[in-house]
Amino acid sequence: MGDLRSEQRVIIEMGMGNDLHGMDYTKAASRAIEDAFRHSSLPLFDVTGLKHDQMRVQVTVAVQEPDQVNVAALVAKLPRGRAEVTAVFGGLNVPTGGDTIVIAQASVEAFLPPQTGWRLKPSRSGI
């Protein structure tokens, strides 16, 4: 792994997820990460020829009880790059009579080493 200070952030996405019954902080955090993924696409790899393992993925999830998040399970679900997950205090617990709704927030950031010396490949769509 290279020097983290020299990396370039190439994407930031945010997401929100919840668990309506069961107060499962990992489930809510997983849904927040999935929500962030639904808002992004990384054609960067197709047009540059970069390998996915060159990307470091840093995920921060915020819930009311961060120590209840299974970060290893979340790392295992991340599909690309060298993944790190950190759980911090945030999100919301919303009491609803008998249950408590857990609301999690996630920030997904992707970093690459400094990029020089490459060119974009021709578009397959012809545009």
C-alpha atoms as a PDB file:
ATOM      1  CA  MET A   1       0.000   0.000   0.000  1.00  0.00           C
ATOM      2  CA  GLY A   2       1.308   3.449  -0.914  1.00  0.00           C
ATOM      3  CA  ASP A   3       1.511   6.624   1.083  1.00  0.00           C
ATOM      4  CA  LEU A   4      -2.076   7.541   2.018  1.00  0.00           C
ATOM      5  CA  ARG A   5      -1.207  11.252   2.008  1.00  0.00           C
ATOM      6  CA  SER A   6      -0.443  11.128  -1.708  1.00  0.00           C
ATOM      7  CA  GLU A   7      -3.690   9.404  -2.689  1.00  0.00           C
ATOM      8  CA  GLN A   8      -6.334  11.244  -4.684  1.00  0.00           C
ATOM      9  CA  ARG A   9     -10.001  10.972  -3.711  1.00  0.00           C
ATOM     10  CA  VAL A  10     -11.957  10.139  -6.874  1.00  0.00           C
ATOM     11  CA  ILE A  11     -15.462   9.597  -5.475  1.00  0.00           C
ATOM     12  CA  ILE A  12     -17.604  10.427  -2.456  1.00  0.00           C
ATOM     13  CA  GLU A  13     -21.106   9.005  -2.156  1.00  0.00           C
ATOM     14  CA  MET A  14     -23.551   9.185   0.731  1.00  0.00           C
ATOM     15  CA  GLY A  15     -26.330   6.813   1.687  1.00  0.00           C
ATOM     16  CA  MET A  16     -28.973   6.178   4.309  1.00  0.00           C
ATOM     17  CA  GLY A  17     -30.343   2.867   5.530  1.00  0.00           C
ATOM     18  CA  ASN A  18     -32.510   1.591   8.320  1.00  0.00           C
ATOM     19  CA  ASP A  19     -33.653  -1.443  10.248  1.00  0.00           C
ATOM     20  CA  LEU A  20     -37.324  -1.099  11.142  1.00  0.00           C
ATOM     21  CA  HIS A  21     -37.543  -4.080  13.523  1.00  0.00           C
ATOM     22  CA  GLY A  22     -34.767  -5.650  15.532  1.00  0.00           C
ATOM     23  CA  MET A  23     -32.359  -2.751  16.181  1.00  0.00           C
ATOM     24  CA  ASP A  24     -29.711  -4.348  13.948  1.00  0.00           C
ATOM     25  CA  TYR A  25     -27.041  -1.674  13.487  1.00  0.00           C
ATOM     26  CA  THR A  26     -25.060  -3.773  11.006  1.00  0.00           C
ATOM     27  CA  LYS A  27     -28.147  -4.305   8.831  1.00  0.00           C
ATOM     28  CA  ALA A  28     -28.948  -0.578   8.854  1.00  0.00           C
ATOM     29  CA  ALA A  29     -25.306   0.283   8.042  1.00  0.00           C
ATOM     30  CA  SER A  30     -25.236  -2.284   5.215  1.00  0.00           C
ATOM     31  CA  ARG A  31     -28.370  -0.751   3.715  1.00  0.00           C
ATOM     32  CA  ALA A  32     -26.821   2.729   3.952  1.00  0.00           C
ATOM     33  CA  ILE A  33     -23.746   1.509   2.052  1.00  0.00           C
ATOM     34  CA  GLU A  34     -25.948  -0.164  -0.585  1.00  0.00           C
ATOM     35  CA  ASP A  35     -27.893   3.096  -0.946  1.00  0.00           C
ATOM     36  CA  ALA A  36     -24.647   4.979  -1.604  1.00  0.00           C
ATOM     37  CA  PHE A  37     -23.672   2.409  -4.252  1.00  0.00           C
ATOM     38  CA  ARG A  38     -26.987   2.893  -6.038  1.00  0.00           C
ATOM     39  CA  HIS A  39     -26.007   6.518  -6.655  1.00  0.00           C
ATOM     40  CA  SER A  40     -22.671   5.828  -8.315  1.00  0.00           C
ATOM     41  CA  SER A  41     -20.888   4.140 -11.169  1.00  0.00           C
ATOM     42  CA  LEU A  42     -17.152   3.923 -11.747  1.00  0.00           C
ATOM     43  CA  PRO A  43     -16.497   3.848 -15.498  1.00  0.00           C
ATOM     44  CA  LEU A  44     -13.034   5.150 -14.614  1.00  0.00           C
ATOM     45  CA  PHE A  45     -11.660   1.598 -14.612  1.00  0.00           C
ATOM     46  CA  ASP A  46     -12.996   0.753 -18.068  1.00  0.00           C
ATOM     47  CA  VAL A  47     -11.694   3.939 -19.686  1.00  0.00           C
ATOM     48  CA  THR A  48      -8.254   3.937 -18.051  1.00  0.00           C
ATOM     49  CA  GLY A  49      -7.403   0.261 -17.697  1.00  0.00           C
ATOM     50  CA  LEU A  50      -6.725   0.708 -13.968  1.00  0.00           C
ATOM     51  CA  LYS A  51      -7.167  -2.351 -11.765  1.00  0.00           C
ATOM     52  CA  HIS A  52      -9.782  -2.344  -9.003  1.00  0.00           C
ATOM     53  CA  ASP A  53      -7.194  -3.375  -6.416  1.00  0.00           C
ATOM     54  CA  GLN A  54      -5.421  -0.036  -6.953  1.00  0.00           C
ATOM     55  CA  MET A  55      -8.408   1.660  -5.285  1.00  0.00           C
ATOM     56  CA  ARG A  56      -8.743   2.076  -1.533  1.00  0.00           C
ATOM     57  CA  VAL A  57     -12.350   2.277  -0.388  1.00  0.00           C
ATOM     58  CA  GLN A  58     -12.950   4.072   2.896  1.00  0.00           C
ATOM     59  CA  VAL A  59     -16.437   3.706   4.348  1.00  0.00           C
ATOM     60  CA  THR A  60     -17.671   5.557   7.424  1.00  0.00           C
ATOM     61  CA  VAL A  61     -21.005   4.509   8.917  1.00  0.00           C
ATOM     62  CA  ALA A  62     -22.762   6.528  11.597  1.00  0.00           C
ATOM     63  CA  VAL A  63     -25.167   4.924  14.082  1.00  0.00           C
ATOM     64  CA  GLN A  64     -26.198   5.563  17.669  1.00  0.00           C
ATOM     65  CA  GLU A  65     -24.284   2.492  18.907  1.00  0.00           C
ATOM     66  CA  PRO A  66     -21.144   2.128  16.739  1.00  0.00           C
ATOM     67  CA  ASP A  67     -19.771  -0.708  18.886  1.00  0.00           C
ATOM     68  CA  GLN A  68     -22.777  -2.814  17.766  1.00  0.00           C
ATOM     69  CA  VAL A  69     -21.698  -2.682  14.079  1.00  0.00           C
ATOM     70  CA  ASN A  70     -19.938  -5.758  12.687  1.00  0.00           C
ATOM     71  CA  VAL A  71     -17.407  -3.894  10.516  1.00  0.00           C
ATOM     72  CA  ALA A  72     -15.791  -7.141   9.282  1.00  0.00           C
ATOM     73  CA  ALA A  73     -19.153  -8.230   7.812  1.00  0.00           C
ATOM     74  CA  LEU A  74     -19.488  -4.859   6.061  1.00  0.00           C
ATOM     75  CA  VAL A  75     -15.943  -5.050   4.645  1.00  0.00           C
ATOM     76  CA  ALA A  76     -16.733  -8.516   3.259  1.00  0.00           C
ATOM     77  CA  LYS A  77     -19.723  -7.098   1.321  1.00  0.00           C
ATOM     78  CA  LEU A  78     -17.750  -4.354  -0.445  1.00  0.00           C
ATOM     79  CA  PRO A  79     -17.278  -5.458  -4.065  1.00  0.00           C
ATOM     80  CA  ARG A  80     -14.207  -3.508  -5.205  1.00  0.00           C
ATOM     81  CA  GLY A  81     -10.891  -2.200  -3.958  1.00  0.00           C
ATOM     82  CA  ARG A  82      -9.090  -2.504  -0.649  1.00  0.00           C
ATOM     83  CA  ALA A  83     -11.892  -1.776   1.794  1.00  0.00           C
ATOM     84  CA  GLU A  84     -11.893  -0.217   5.253  1.00  0.00           C
ATOM     85  CA  VAL A  85     -15.018   0.400   7.350  1.00  0.00           C
ATOM     86  CA  THR A  86     -15.202   2.612  10.414  1.00  0.00           C
ATOM     87  CA  ALA A  87     -18.271   2.951  12.640  1.00  0.00           C
ATOM     88  CA  VAL A  88     -18.815   6.284  14.397  1.00  0.00           C
ATOM     89  CA  PHE A  89     -21.509   7.852  16.547  1.00  0.00           C
ATOM     90  CA  GLY A  90     -24.357   9.405  14.563  1.00  0.00           C
ATOM     91  CA  GLY A  91     -27.523   8.310  12.825  1.00  0.00           C
ATOM     92  CA  LEU A  92     -30.778   8.065  14.745  1.00  0.00           C
ATOM     93  CA  ASN A  93     -32.730   5.714  16.972  1.00  0.00           C
ATOM     94  CA  VAL A  94     -36.455   6.429  16.622  1.00  0.00           C
ATOM     95  CA  PRO A  95     -38.735   4.845  19.242  1.00  0.00           C
ATOM     96  CA  THR A  96     -42.101   3.733  17.793  1.00  0.00           C
ATOM     97  CA  GLY A  97     -44.187   2.366  20.636  1.00  0.00           C
ATOM     98  CA  GLY A  98     -42.703  -1.144  20.839  1.00  0.00           C
ATOM     99  CA  ASP A  99     -39.792  -1.097  18.408  1.00  0.00           C
ATOM    100  CA  THR A 100     -36.940   1.275  17.768  1.00  0.00           C
ATOM    101  CA  ILE A 101     -36.089   2.166  14.180  1.00  0.00           C
ATOM    102  CA  VAL A 102     -32.337   2.331  13.587  1.00  0.00           C
ATOM    103  CA  ILE A 103     -31.273   4.843  10.938  1.00  0.00           C
ATOM    104  CA  ALA A 104     -27.677   4.726   9.679  1.00  0.00           C
ATOM    105  CA  GLN A 105     -25.755   7.084   7.435  1.00  0.00           C
ATOM    106  CA  ALA A 106     -22.791   6.095   5.269  1.00  0.00           C
ATOM    107  CA  SER A 107     -20.057   7.895   3.415  1.00  0.00           C
ATOM    108  CA  VAL A 108     -18.233   5.859   0.762  1.00  0.00           C
ATOM    109  CA  GLU A 109     -14.970   7.358  -0.476  1.00  0.00           C
ATOM    110  CA  ALA A 110     -12.648   5.911  -3.109  1.00  0.00           C
ATOM    111  CA  PHE A 111      -8.963   6.830  -3.376  1.00  0.00           C
ATOM    112  CA  LEU A 112      -6.350   6.109  -6.036  1.00  0.00           C
ATOM    113  CA  PRO A 113      -2.606   6.711  -6.142  1.00  0.00           C
ATOM    114  CA  PRO A 114      -1.680   9.871  -8.069  1.00  0.00           C
ATOM    115  CA  GLN A 115      -2.574   9.338 -11.724  1.00  0.00           C
ATOM    116  CA  THR A 116      -0.200  10.462 -14.449  1.00  0.00           C
ATOM    117  CA  GLY A 117       0.838   9.116 -17.801  1.00  0.00           C
ATOM    118  CA  TRP A 118      -2.411   7.464 -18.922  1.00  0.00           C
ATOM    119  CA  ARG A 119      -4.898   8.310 -21.619  1.00  0.00           C
ATOM    120  CA  LEU A 120      -8.582   7.577 -21.903  1.00  0.00           C
ATOM    121  CA  LYS A 121      -9.472   4.664 -24.142  1.00  0.00           C
ATOM    122  CA  PRO A 122     -11.869   5.349 -27.060  1.00  0.00           C
ATOM    123  CA  SER A 123     -15.520   5.192 -26.058  1.00  0.00           C
ATOM    124  CA  ARG A 124     -17.341   1.972 -26.918  1.00  0.00           C
ATOM    125  CA  SER A 125     -20.571   3.919 -27.384  1.00  0.00           C
ATOM    126  CA  GLY A 126     -19.073   6.125 -30.096  1.00  0.00           C
ATOM    127  CA  ILE A 127     -20.046   9.292 -28.221  1.00  0.00           C
END
